[in-house]
Protein backbone atom coordinates (compact mmCIF):
# COMPACT_ATOMS: atom_id res chain seq x y z
CA MET A 1 63.95 6.32 -100.22
CA GLN A 2 60.56 6.18 -98.40
CA ASP A 3 60.04 2.73 -99.11
CA SER A 4 63.15 1.61 -97.85
CA HIS A 5 61.59 2.22 -94.19
CA ARG A 6 57.88 1.04 -94.77
CA VAL A 7 57.22 -2.18 -92.53
CA ASP A 8 55.57 -4.63 -94.23
CA PRO A 9 52.16 -5.59 -92.38
CA SER A 10 53.11 -9.30 -92.23
CA ASP A 11 56.56 -8.57 -90.48
CA ALA A 12 54.77 -6.40 -87.71
CA GLN A 13 52.12 -8.67 -86.92
CA SER A 14 55.20 -11.29 -86.56
CA LEU A 15 56.96 -9.26 -84.22
CA GLN A 16 53.80 -8.68 -81.75
CA PRO A 17 54.36 -11.22 -79.34
CA LEU A 18 58.12 -10.11 -78.84
CA ARG A 19 56.75 -6.59 -78.00
CA SER A 20 54.73 -7.70 -76.06
CA ALA A 21 57.22 -9.67 -73.77
CA VAL A 22 59.81 -6.78 -74.00
CA ASP A 23 56.76 -4.52 -72.50
CA GLN A 24 56.43 -6.77 -69.57
CA LEU A 25 60.22 -6.58 -68.70
CA THR A 26 59.88 -3.02 -68.26
CA GLN A 27 57.34 -3.14 -65.44
CA ASP A 28 58.43 -3.40 -61.80
CA PRO A 29 59.21 -7.01 -61.18
CA TYR A 30 57.57 -6.93 -57.39
CA ALA A 31 54.45 -5.58 -58.74
CA PHE A 32 54.36 -8.20 -61.59
CA ALA A 33 55.35 -10.77 -59.50
CA GLN A 34 52.50 -10.08 -56.95
CA ARG A 35 50.26 -9.65 -59.61
CA GLU A 36 50.92 -13.12 -60.78
CA LEU A 37 50.94 -14.71 -57.61
CA HIS A 38 47.74 -13.17 -56.03
CA ASP A 39 45.90 -12.37 -58.96
CA ALA A 40 43.78 -10.14 -56.27
CA ARG A 41 44.12 -6.79 -57.69
CA PRO A 42 41.14 -5.93 -60.17
CA PRO A 43 41.69 -4.91 -63.84
CA GLU A 44 41.91 -0.70 -64.31
CA PRO A 45 38.43 -0.74 -65.74
CA TYR A 46 39.73 2.36 -68.21
CA ALA A 47 43.12 1.28 -69.02
CA SER A 48 42.30 0.35 -72.51
CA PHE A 49 41.25 4.30 -73.19
CA LEU A 50 44.68 5.11 -72.67
CA PRO A 51 47.34 5.71 -75.32
CA PRO A 52 50.26 3.25 -75.92
CA GLU A 53 52.52 5.76 -74.88
CA LEU A 54 50.68 6.53 -71.22
CA PRO A 55 51.12 2.65 -69.87
CA THR A 56 49.17 2.14 -66.48
CA GLU A 57 51.68 2.69 -63.58
CA PRO A 58 52.79 -0.29 -61.88
CA ALA A 59 51.33 -0.51 -58.26
CA LYS A 60 53.39 0.42 -55.30
CA HIS A 61 54.76 -1.51 -52.38
CA THR A 62 52.46 -0.36 -49.24
CA GLU A 63 53.73 -2.68 -46.68
CA THR A 64 54.33 -0.56 -43.25
CA SER A 65 57.26 -1.09 -41.22
CA ILE A 66 56.76 -1.83 -37.42
CA PHE A 67 59.01 0.47 -36.36
CA SER A 68 56.66 2.97 -37.54
CA ALA A 69 54.94 3.67 -34.37
CA LYS A 70 56.80 2.25 -31.28
CA GLU A 71 53.50 2.00 -29.42
CA GLY A 72 51.86 0.23 -31.99
CA GLY A 73 55.03 -1.34 -33.78
CA TYR A 74 57.27 -3.32 -32.04
CA LEU A 75 56.20 -2.65 -28.43
CA ARG A 76 52.40 -3.73 -29.30
CA ASP A 77 52.95 -6.93 -27.81
CA ILE A 78 55.16 -5.72 -24.81
CA ALA A 79 52.78 -7.10 -22.00
CA ALA A 80 53.11 -10.23 -23.05
CA ILE A 81 56.82 -10.31 -23.47
CA LEU A 82 58.14 -9.48 -19.68
CA ASP A 83 59.26 -12.67 -18.95
CA PRO A 84 59.91 -14.91 -21.77
CA PRO A 85 62.34 -17.87 -22.04
CA ASP A 86 65.74 -18.17 -22.23
CA LEU A 87 65.77 -14.17 -21.95
CA ASP A 88 69.43 -13.82 -20.90
CA ALA A 89 70.99 -15.83 -23.49
CA TRP A 90 69.08 -13.88 -26.06
CA ARG A 91 69.74 -10.22 -24.43
CA GLU A 92 73.94 -11.76 -24.82
CA LYS A 93 73.11 -12.77 -28.29
CA LEU A 94 71.68 -9.61 -29.52
CA PHE A 95 74.15 -7.52 -27.57
CA HIS A 96 77.17 -8.71 -29.08
CA VAL A 97 75.82 -9.76 -32.32
CA ASP A 98 78.71 -12.13 -33.65
CA GLU A 99 77.17 -13.26 -36.53
CA THR A 100 74.21 -12.33 -38.54
CA ILE A 101 70.91 -13.04 -36.64
CA VAL A 102 67.75 -14.09 -38.27
CA LEU A 103 64.69 -13.87 -36.31
CA SER A 104 60.94 -14.21 -37.06
CA GLU A 105 58.56 -11.56 -36.49
CA GLU A 106 57.58 -13.03 -33.00
CA GLN A 107 61.09 -13.44 -32.01
CA PHE A 108 61.89 -9.97 -32.91
CA ARG A 109 58.78 -8.22 -30.97
CA THR A 110 59.64 -10.61 -28.29
CA TYR A 111 63.56 -10.07 -27.51
CA PHE A 112 64.22 -6.93 -29.40
CA PRO A 113 62.51 -4.97 -26.58
CA HIS A 114 64.66 -6.16 -23.77
CA VAL A 115 67.71 -4.71 -25.42
CA ASP A 116 66.45 -1.54 -27.66
CA ASN A 117 68.09 0.04 -24.42
CA VAL A 118 71.79 -0.75 -25.84
CA TYR A 119 71.18 0.88 -29.14
CA SER A 120 69.95 4.07 -30.48
CA HIS A 121 68.38 4.36 -34.10
CA ARG A 122 69.85 6.66 -36.38
CA SER A 123 68.50 6.13 -40.09
CA THR A 124 66.25 4.41 -41.90
CA GLN A 125 66.42 3.11 -45.67
CA HIS A 126 63.83 2.55 -47.85
CA TYR A 127 64.08 0.74 -50.90
CA LYS A 128 61.51 1.75 -54.23
CA ARG A 129 61.82 -1.90 -55.66
CA LYS A 130 62.49 -4.17 -52.76
CA PRO A 131 59.81 -5.49 -50.06
CA LEU A 132 62.45 -4.63 -47.39
CA VAL A 133 63.66 -1.76 -45.24
CA SER A 134 66.95 -1.35 -43.57
CA HIS A 135 67.44 0.38 -40.03
CA TYR A 136 70.49 1.51 -38.83
CA TRP A 137 71.24 1.83 -35.09
CA ASP A 138 74.10 2.84 -33.27
CA CYS A 139 75.50 1.60 -29.85
CA ARG A 140 73.90 4.16 -27.22
CA LEU A 141 77.43 4.87 -25.91
CA LYS A 142 78.51 6.15 -29.00
CA GLY A 143 76.74 9.36 -28.39
CA ARG A 144 76.04 12.06 -30.68
CA PRO A 145 76.13 15.90 -30.37
CA PRO A 146 72.76 18.20 -29.16
CA GLY A 147 70.60 19.11 -31.58
CA THR A 148 70.14 22.35 -30.48
CA PRO A 149 72.34 25.18 -28.90
CA LYS A 150 71.77 25.84 -25.41
CA SER A 151 69.39 28.70 -24.79
CA ASP A 152 70.29 31.76 -22.96
CA ASP A 153 66.90 32.83 -22.01
CA PRO A 154 66.68 32.63 -18.17
CA ASN A 155 62.96 32.47 -18.01
CA LYS A 156 63.14 29.14 -19.96
CA LYS A 157 62.71 25.87 -17.99
CA LYS A 158 66.14 23.90 -18.08
CA ARG A 159 66.14 19.91 -17.93
CA LYS A 160 68.65 18.79 -15.46
CA ARG A 161 70.60 16.51 -17.69
CA THR A 162 74.40 15.20 -17.12
CA ALA A 163 76.41 15.17 -20.39
CA ARG A 164 77.55 11.92 -21.03
CA GLN A 165 80.96 11.22 -22.19
CA ARG A 166 81.15 10.64 -26.53
CA ASP A 167 82.69 7.83 -28.86
CA LEU A 168 82.59 5.19 -25.66
CA CYS A 169 81.87 2.52 -28.45
CA ASP A 170 81.66 2.40 -32.26
CA VAL A 171 79.32 -0.51 -32.74
CA LYS A 172 76.69 0.01 -35.30
CA ILE A 173 74.09 -2.58 -36.45
CA LYS A 174 71.58 -2.98 -39.26
CA ILE A 175 68.05 -4.28 -38.82
CA THR A 176 66.58 -5.39 -42.04
CA GLU A 177 63.27 -5.82 -42.02
CA TYR A 178 61.80 -8.09 -44.57
CA PHE A 179 57.89 -7.46 -45.46
CA PRO A 180 55.37 -10.46 -45.45
CA GLY A 181 55.50 -12.09 -49.23
CA TYR A 182 59.16 -11.69 -49.60
CA ALA A 183 59.81 -15.62 -49.49
CA VAL A 184 57.19 -15.89 -52.33
CA MET A 185 58.91 -12.90 -54.36
CA THR A 186 62.22 -15.31 -54.25
CA GLY A 187 60.45 -18.62 -54.75
CA PRO A 188 60.99 -20.33 -58.23
CA ASP A 189 57.51 -19.12 -59.42
CA ALA A 190 58.77 -15.62 -59.00
CA ILE A 191 60.45 -13.43 -61.93
CA THR A 192 62.79 -10.76 -61.29
CA ASN A 193 65.69 -9.00 -62.96
CA ALA A 194 69.28 -8.88 -62.60
CA THR A 195 69.43 -6.37 -60.02
CA GLU A 196 66.85 -7.77 -57.94
CA SER A 197 68.30 -11.38 -58.40
CA ALA A 198 71.28 -10.36 -56.15
CA LEU A 199 68.76 -9.21 -53.30
CA ALA A 200 69.17 -12.27 -51.68
CA ALA A 201 72.94 -12.36 -51.65
CA GLU A 202 73.24 -8.78 -50.88
CA SER A 203 70.71 -8.54 -47.92
CA LEU A 204 70.62 -11.98 -46.35
CA PRO A 205 74.17 -13.03 -46.07
CA GLY A 206 73.47 -15.45 -42.92
CA VAL A 207 70.51 -17.04 -44.70
CA ASN A 208 72.31 -17.47 -48.24
CA ALA A 209 74.70 -19.28 -46.23
CA LEU A 210 72.38 -22.09 -45.76
CA TYR A 211 71.88 -22.53 -49.55
CA SER A 212 74.08 -24.67 -51.62
CA THR A 213 76.11 -23.40 -54.24
CA GLN A 214 74.99 -24.54 -57.92
CA GLN A 215 77.46 -24.67 -61.07
CA GLY A 216 79.88 -22.51 -59.14
CA GLY A 217 77.65 -19.50 -58.90
CA ILE A 218 76.62 -17.25 -56.46
CA PRO A 219 75.41 -18.64 -53.10
CA GLY A 220 71.80 -19.83 -53.32
CA GLY A 221 72.34 -21.74 -56.76
CA LEU A 222 72.35 -18.33 -58.76
CA ALA A 223 74.67 -18.93 -62.06
CA SER A 224 77.15 -16.40 -62.32
CA GLY A 225 78.45 -16.60 -66.20
CA PRO A 226 75.41 -17.12 -68.15
CA ARG A 227 73.03 -14.58 -66.84
CA GLU A 228 75.68 -11.77 -67.79
CA ASN A 229 75.92 -12.68 -71.19
CA GLN A 230 71.85 -13.35 -71.85
CA PRO A 231 70.56 -10.39 -74.72
CA PHE A 232 67.85 -8.37 -72.94
CA GLY A 233 68.43 -9.12 -69.65
CA VAL A 234 66.80 -12.56 -69.57
CA LEU A 235 65.50 -13.19 -66.39
CA THR A 236 66.07 -16.47 -64.02
CA PRO A 237 63.93 -17.54 -61.08
CA ASN A 238 65.64 -16.53 -57.54
CA PRO A 239 66.05 -19.46 -55.27
CA PRO A 240 63.43 -20.31 -52.47
CA LEU A 241 63.98 -19.61 -48.79
CA PRO A 242 65.40 -23.05 -47.03
CA PRO A 243 62.75 -24.87 -45.15
CA GLY A 244 62.47 -24.05 -41.76
CA HIS A 245 63.52 -20.38 -42.40
CA PRO A 246 61.54 -17.73 -40.13
CA GLY A 247 60.24 -16.23 -43.75
CA ALA A 248 59.72 -19.38 -45.74
CA ASN A 249 56.12 -19.29 -45.63
CA GLY A 250 55.61 -15.51 -46.88
CA GLN A 251 55.92 -14.26 -43.25
CA ARG A 252 57.72 -10.92 -42.07
CA PHE A 253 61.12 -11.92 -40.81
CA PHE A 254 64.26 -9.86 -39.47
CA THR A 255 68.03 -9.93 -39.89
CA ILE A 256 70.35 -8.17 -37.66
CA GLN A 257 74.37 -7.95 -38.21
CA ARG A 258 77.08 -5.60 -37.50
CA VAL A 259 78.24 -3.06 -39.76
CA ASN A 260 80.78 -0.62 -40.40
CA GLY A 261 80.09 2.38 -38.05
CA ASN A 262 82.09 5.43 -37.29
CA GLY A 263 85.40 4.33 -35.81
CA ALA A 264 86.87 1.18 -35.30
CA ASN A 265 84.45 -1.38 -34.39
CA GLY A 266 86.21 -5.01 -35.72
CA LYS A 267 85.99 -4.14 -39.19
CA ASN A 268 88.96 -1.73 -39.28
CA ASP A 269 92.55 -1.78 -38.04
CA GLY A 270 92.34 -4.94 -36.35
CA VAL A 271 90.13 -3.97 -33.24
CA SER A 272 88.19 -6.33 -31.48
CA GLY A 273 84.65 -6.22 -33.17
CA GLY A 274 82.45 -6.03 -30.08
CA HIS A 275 81.11 -3.55 -27.81
CA ARG A 276 83.77 -1.88 -25.68
CA HIS A 277 81.78 -1.91 -22.68
CA THR A 278 79.38 -4.63 -20.84
CA LEU A 279 75.53 -5.54 -21.19
CA GLU A 280 75.34 -4.40 -17.61
CA GLU A 281 77.16 -0.80 -18.29
CA SER A 282 74.06 -0.34 -20.99
CA ASP A 283 71.26 -1.49 -18.65
CA ARG A 284 73.22 1.49 -16.24
CA VAL A 285 72.99 4.15 -18.78
CA LYS A 286 69.34 3.64 -19.81
CA LYS A 287 66.28 1.10 -19.11
CA ASN A 288 65.10 -1.08 -21.81
CA SER A 289 61.44 -0.71 -23.20
CA VAL A 290 60.33 -3.46 -21.12
CA GLN A 291 61.49 -2.17 -18.02
CA ARG A 292 60.00 1.34 -18.62
CA TYR A 293 56.89 -0.28 -19.00
CA ARG A 294 57.15 -1.69 -15.84
CA GLN A 295 58.11 1.41 -14.39
CA LYS A 296 55.04 3.12 -16.05
CA GLU A 297 52.71 0.24 -15.33
CA ALA A 298 53.76 0.50 -11.42
CA GLN A 299 53.61 4.52 -11.27
CA GLU A 300 49.81 4.34 -12.69
CA LYS A 301 48.99 1.71 -10.27
CA ARG A 302 50.02 3.69 -7.30
CA LYS A 303 48.21 6.44 -8.64
CA SER A 304 44.96 4.21 -9.12
CA LEU A 305 45.33 3.47 -5.98
CA THR A 306 45.94 7.17 -4.53
CA ALA A 307 43.05 8.26 -6.49
CA THR A 308 40.76 5.50 -5.27
CA LYS A 309 41.55 5.89 -1.74
CA THR A 310 40.68 9.80 -2.40
CA ARG A 311 37.41 9.06 -4.05
CA THR A 312 36.51 6.49 -1.17
CA MET A 313 37.56 9.17 1.71
CA SER A 314 35.73 11.93 0.09
CA ALA A 315 32.53 10.11 -0.57
CA GLN A 316 32.27 9.15 3.14
CA SER A 317 29.88 11.25 4.97
CA GLN A 318 31.92 11.17 8.22
CA PRO A 319 35.29 12.45 8.68
CA PRO A 320 38.27 10.41 6.91
CA GLN A 321 39.77 7.74 8.69
CA LYS A 322 42.79 9.22 11.16
CA THR A 323 46.33 8.38 11.27
CA TYR A 324 47.14 8.80 14.50
CA HIS A 325 48.92 6.01 16.40
CA THR A 326 47.64 4.65 19.64
CA LYS A 327 50.32 2.44 21.09
CA ALA A 328 53.86 3.96 21.74
CA THR A 329 56.74 2.83 19.68
CA GLY A 330 60.60 2.88 20.21
CA PRO A 331 62.07 3.52 23.77
CA ALA A 332 58.51 5.05 24.86
CA ALA A 333 57.22 1.70 24.21
CA VAL A 334 59.91 -0.07 26.37
CA THR A 335 58.74 2.39 29.13
CA VAL A 336 54.82 1.20 28.52
CA GLU A 337 55.77 -1.84 29.17
CA ASN A 338 58.15 -1.32 32.34
CA HIS A 339 55.47 0.73 34.22
CA SER A 340 52.15 -1.39 33.34
CA GLN A 341 52.18 -3.15 36.54
CA GLU A 342 49.02 -1.58 38.95
CA ASN A 343 50.09 1.07 40.93
CA GLU A 344 47.60 3.63 42.90
CA LEU A 345 49.16 6.32 40.87
CA LYS A 346 48.02 6.33 37.48
CA LEU A 347 49.03 8.29 34.28
CA TYR A 348 46.46 7.86 31.37
CA GLY A 349 48.10 9.21 28.45
CA SER A 350 48.48 9.17 24.72
CA CYS A 351 51.76 8.09 22.77
CA PHE A 352 51.89 11.36 20.57
CA CYS A 353 50.55 14.04 22.81
CA PRO A 354 53.14 16.69 24.06
CA PHE A 355 51.17 17.68 27.27
CA VAL A 356 51.10 13.95 28.05
CA GLN A 357 54.67 13.66 27.68
CA ARG A 358 55.38 16.57 29.99
CA VAL A 359 53.74 14.85 32.78
CA TRP A 360 55.83 11.68 31.91
CA ILE A 361 58.82 13.16 31.65
CA ALA A 362 58.55 14.66 35.44
CA LEU A 363 57.88 11.46 36.47
CA GLU A 364 60.54 9.69 35.02
CA ALA A 365 62.99 12.44 36.34
CA LYS A 366 61.36 12.39 39.75
CA GLY A 367 61.49 8.72 40.06
CA ILE A 368 58.24 8.29 41.40
CA PRO A 369 56.44 4.76 40.85
CA TYR A 370 53.36 4.78 38.38
CA GLN A 371 51.28 2.79 36.23
CA TYR A 372 50.92 4.08 32.75
CA ILE A 373 47.68 3.55 31.18
CA GLU A 374 47.89 4.04 27.16
CA ILE A 375 44.30 4.76 25.68
CA ASP A 376 42.94 6.25 22.43
CA PRO A 377 41.91 10.07 23.67
CA TYR A 378 39.24 10.19 20.66
CA LYS A 379 37.39 7.22 22.05
CA LYS A 380 37.08 8.40 25.71
CA PRO A 381 37.03 5.30 27.75
CA PRO A 382 34.87 5.24 31.14
CA SER A 383 38.17 5.39 33.56
CA LEU A 384 39.47 8.29 31.80
CA LEU A 385 35.92 10.04 31.96
CA GLU A 386 35.95 9.28 35.79
CA VAL A 387 38.83 11.49 36.14
CA ASN A 388 38.39 14.17 33.68
CA PRO A 389 34.79 14.44 32.47
CA ARG A 390 35.96 16.20 29.27
CA GLY A 391 37.69 13.27 28.16
CA LEU A 392 41.31 14.73 27.80
CA VAL A 393 44.57 13.59 28.25
CA PRO A 394 46.75 13.77 30.43
CA ALA A 395 44.77 12.71 33.47
CA LEU A 396 46.33 11.40 36.74
CA ARG A 397 44.46 9.37 39.06
CA HIS A 398 46.02 8.94 42.78
CA GLY A 399 44.03 6.60 44.86
CA ASP A 400 40.57 7.82 45.20
CA TRP A 401 41.66 11.40 43.84
CA GLY A 402 42.22 12.78 40.40
CA SER A 403 42.98 15.87 38.58
CA TYR A 404 44.01 16.69 34.59
CA GLU A 405 45.97 19.74 33.16
CA SER A 406 49.90 19.14 32.56
CA SER A 407 50.97 22.12 34.16
CA VAL A 408 48.70 21.51 37.57
CA LEU A 409 49.70 17.97 37.45
CA MET A 410 53.54 18.76 37.34
CA GLU A 411 52.91 21.39 40.13
CA TYR A 412 51.11 18.44 42.14
CA LEU A 413 54.01 16.05 41.44
CA GLU A 414 56.53 18.67 42.87
CA ASP A 415 54.35 19.04 46.00
CA LEU A 416 54.45 15.09 46.41
CA ASN A 417 58.25 15.66 47.60
CA ILE A 418 59.40 12.55 46.26
CA GLY A 419 62.77 12.25 44.06
CA PRO A 420 64.57 15.10 42.93
CA THR A 421 62.99 18.47 42.45
CA LEU A 422 62.39 20.18 39.34
CA LEU A 423 61.58 23.62 40.94
CA PRO A 424 64.37 25.70 42.84
CA VAL A 425 64.10 24.59 46.39
CA GLY A 426 64.10 27.27 49.26
CA ASP A 427 64.04 30.26 46.87
CA ALA A 428 60.82 31.67 46.31
CA LYS A 429 61.99 34.22 43.73
CA ALA A 430 63.45 31.60 41.42
CA ARG A 431 60.09 29.57 41.72
CA ALA A 432 58.32 32.34 40.59
CA HIS A 433 60.92 32.80 37.91
CA CYS A 434 60.19 29.16 36.43
CA ARG A 435 56.59 29.67 36.76
CA LEU A 436 56.58 32.94 35.04
CA TRP A 437 58.28 31.18 32.08
CA ALA A 438 56.17 28.18 31.91
CA ASP A 439 53.24 30.46 31.67
CA PHE A 440 54.96 32.21 28.88
CA ILE A 441 55.46 28.75 27.02
CA ASN A 442 51.64 28.05 27.17
CA ARG A 443 50.95 31.39 25.88
CA HIS A 444 53.42 31.87 23.05
CA ILE A 445 55.42 29.06 22.21
CA VAL A 446 52.61 26.42 22.14
CA PRO A 447 49.89 28.28 19.96
CA ASN A 448 52.23 29.16 17.67
CA PHE A 449 53.79 25.98 16.94
CA TYR A 450 50.19 25.01 16.22
CA ARG A 451 49.21 27.83 14.42
CA LEU A 452 52.25 27.22 12.12
CA LEU A 453 51.55 23.53 11.75
CA GLN A 454 47.71 24.17 10.56
CA GLU A 455 48.06 26.94 8.43
CA GLN A 456 47.65 26.63 4.62
CA ASN A 457 48.40 29.66 2.90
CA GLY A 458 52.38 30.00 2.31
CA GLN A 459 52.66 33.51 3.36
CA LYS A 460 50.92 32.95 6.58
CA GLN A 461 52.81 30.03 7.62
CA ILE A 462 56.33 32.40 7.04
CA ALA A 463 54.38 35.05 9.46
CA ASN A 464 53.70 32.45 12.10
CA ALA A 465 57.00 30.77 11.59
CA ARG A 466 58.94 34.51 12.32
CA GLU A 467 56.39 34.74 15.75
CA LEU A 468 57.49 31.29 17.09
CA GLY A 469 61.00 31.73 16.39
CA ASP A 470 60.73 35.19 18.35
CA ALA A 471 58.99 33.29 21.31
CA PHE A 472 62.02 30.77 21.32
CA ASN A 473 64.70 33.79 21.17
CA THR A 474 62.75 35.38 23.84
CA LEU A 475 62.75 32.20 26.32
CA VAL A 476 66.46 31.72 25.50
CA ALA A 477 67.37 35.05 26.24
CA ALA A 478 65.65 34.58 29.94
CA ALA A 479 67.63 31.23 30.14
CA ASP A 480 70.90 30.86 32.10
CA PRO A 481 73.85 32.02 29.44
CA GLU A 482 75.54 29.03 30.43
CA GLY A 483 73.18 26.51 30.20
CA PRO A 484 72.86 24.19 28.84
CA TYR A 485 69.29 23.88 30.51
CA PHE A 486 67.01 26.76 31.37
CA LEU A 487 68.50 27.19 34.94
CA GLY A 488 71.91 25.69 34.23
CA PRO A 489 73.41 22.35 34.05
CA ASN A 490 70.30 20.72 35.24
CA LEU A 491 66.84 19.77 33.92
CA SER A 492 64.37 21.97 35.46
CA PHE A 493 60.75 22.75 35.61
CA VAL A 494 61.02 24.93 32.38
CA ASP A 495 62.72 22.49 30.71
CA VAL A 496 60.17 19.73 31.06
CA GLN A 497 57.31 22.28 29.99
CA VAL A 498 58.65 23.08 26.52
CA ALA A 499 60.90 19.81 25.75
CA PRO A 500 57.77 17.81 24.08
CA TRP A 501 57.93 20.90 21.77
CA ILE A 502 61.46 21.12 21.10
CA ILE A 503 61.55 17.53 20.14
CA ARG A 504 58.44 17.94 17.59
CA LEU A 505 60.34 20.96 15.78
CA ASN A 506 62.47 18.46 14.06
CA ARG A 507 60.37 15.34 13.79
CA VAL A 508 56.73 17.80 12.66
CA LEU A 509 57.77 21.15 11.76
CA LYS A 510 61.11 20.62 9.52
CA PRO A 511 59.45 17.91 7.64
CA TYR A 512 55.88 19.46 7.38
CA ARG A 513 56.72 23.46 7.23
CA GLY A 514 60.59 23.16 6.58
CA TRP A 515 61.65 24.35 10.13
CA PRO A 516 65.39 25.30 10.24
CA LYS A 517 68.20 23.60 12.50
CA PRO A 518 69.96 25.18 15.12
CA GLU A 519 72.58 27.45 14.26
CA PRO A 520 75.91 25.39 15.44
CA GLY A 521 77.73 26.77 18.51
CA SER A 522 74.47 28.79 19.54
CA ARG A 523 72.98 28.92 22.77
CA TRP A 524 69.70 27.68 21.57
CA ALA A 525 71.54 24.77 19.54
CA ALA A 526 73.19 23.89 23.22
CA TRP A 527 69.64 23.66 24.73
CA VAL A 528 68.24 21.72 21.99
CA ASP A 529 71.14 19.28 22.22
CA ALA A 530 70.82 18.83 25.89
CA ILE A 531 67.15 18.35 25.67
CA GLU A 532 67.45 15.53 22.82
CA ALA A 533 69.96 13.59 24.88
CA ASN A 534 68.24 13.67 28.01
CA GLU A 535 67.65 10.24 29.27
CA HIS A 536 63.99 10.75 30.53
CA VAL A 537 62.92 12.60 27.36
CA GLN A 538 64.34 10.10 25.42
CA ALA A 539 62.63 7.28 27.43
CA THR A 540 59.48 8.83 26.86
CA THR A 541 59.94 9.58 23.19
CA SER A 542 58.80 7.40 20.38
CA THR A 543 60.19 6.62 16.60
CA ASP A 544 60.01 9.65 14.20
CA GLU A 545 57.56 7.94 12.10
CA LEU A 546 54.61 7.85 15.02
CA TYR A 547 55.12 11.87 14.92
CA LEU A 548 55.01 12.34 11.26
CA ASP A 549 51.96 10.19 10.98
CA SER A 550 50.26 11.67 13.77
CA TYR A 551 50.71 15.02 12.94
CA GLU A 552 49.73 14.44 9.52
CA ARG A 553 45.93 15.73 10.57
CA TYR A 554 47.29 18.97 11.67
CA ALA A 555 49.58 19.72 8.75
CA GLN A 556 46.49 19.33 6.80
CA ASN A 557 44.14 21.09 9.03
CA ARG A 558 41.69 18.43 8.67
CA PRO A 559 38.07 19.11 10.29
CA ASN A 560 37.78 18.26 14.16
CA THR A 561 41.29 16.86 14.23
CA SER A 562 41.43 17.84 18.31
CA GLN A 563 39.81 20.25 20.44
CA VAL A 564 43.43 21.97 20.22
CA ALA A 565 43.42 22.22 16.30
CA ASN A 566 39.78 23.56 16.65
CA ALA A 567 40.59 26.39 19.27
CA ILE A 568 43.66 27.44 17.10
CA ASN A 569 41.13 27.69 14.05
CA SER A 570 38.52 29.74 15.99
CA GLY A 571 41.50 31.82 17.57
CA ARG A 572 40.12 30.89 20.96
CA GLY A 573 42.94 30.01 23.64
CA LEU A 574 43.85 26.16 24.44
CA PRO A 575 41.62 24.16 26.06
């Protein structure tokens, strides 16, 4: 009985070639083909010492998908694809995906970043024995539930996001990435098993349509009948990729096709297969990678320019370049032009100076002929120094006589008895009342205005704002109850004294220190509105940008901004 199972040595020797062939068929066909084609892998030096029941492990596929890391993956060359040719046509094609699209690696890297805002990645399918990987993407307007529930922790910072409606589109696409060498694996010299032979038909429907059908078999020249009946899975070669195919020479290539998603997307219920929205709607919902790259590049460029400017300014030994304006703008510029002719009464002024605007408003209100000479007060021209040796504005030259200090000059204009008066006529008490509150403005409102503007400490800013507000409340309480001006319906001396600082509340203190608007319907609001609407105030007021730029130095409390700023910082009275 035992003799019946004994193997003849000669029979065993004759069966050895068949056994070797069968052993080869059990190995990974992809690894086998790679070894046959490249012949680059050195033999395992100790394989001969392994027992027969422990064969050498076949090599694993080591290719990496270009989606593994975006910055070093499919967005690697984003700087070179900002304006590729035929971009609009490619975007429309990749948006609709009406049929399977075959792209080379260069085409994919060039055009897909321009439409990756349309789709949102959902999953990736890896194959152990296939040199490819499949990526599934949903239309971004499909939406998905949030990953984590909202936190009830009041201390946790919450992102300001608006929930987007879900299920607005059901389109789903499959991007199949074929690794380099796939074309060689499907060539006439490659040998695969029955499962792998169906790879081309399953994964490349658009490509296989290019193959001619042979012997009534599978598209691509695969015979259908004989393979199924061959014993031991006898193998036949896969057809090669057609000439001109992006992967014909062994390069990486991609296919994109629309597949069944969750809901009707053209494959179910007879519903149209396209998106339920336009490409423009996708662009509105999210920017694509190229647009985000450009936006980020612009932001970094602005930061770089700002940093360079800051370093340059800090490296200079002298104070940074001032941003004040030297020429009036808006209505004030028109007034300057109208009063540029030679006149014996000359006002030396600067467009941003509120003390100059006091005298300027008085000249306009009284209708006195004058010549306005616009200067840069920081350069102190000789003509100004002749009138005021300190070089401060405003300064007034009348013939061969000159003087300065805004309140003094306003009194002088009153004494000329030209035009309407700003002080009450024939009432010494009322005139003294106006002078008293003009002095109050110079002692309490003007200094507190600059203290608030120059202060850098937040708590002290609050205290200074309260003091300035109290000073305005005190002044309003002393004004005529009906108004709208200080003495009643007409512009007066006190109104002109305080007007330049009232118009700077909205133009300077509001943007730099958050100064609030007047309460509607209040006496204070009526006074502010009357000052803002006065024709003489408007005629001497420049555009908002001029004040915003010129007072930036004060808001940052730069060194040596002005003698007024230095006096405020040192606690001394105004110069």
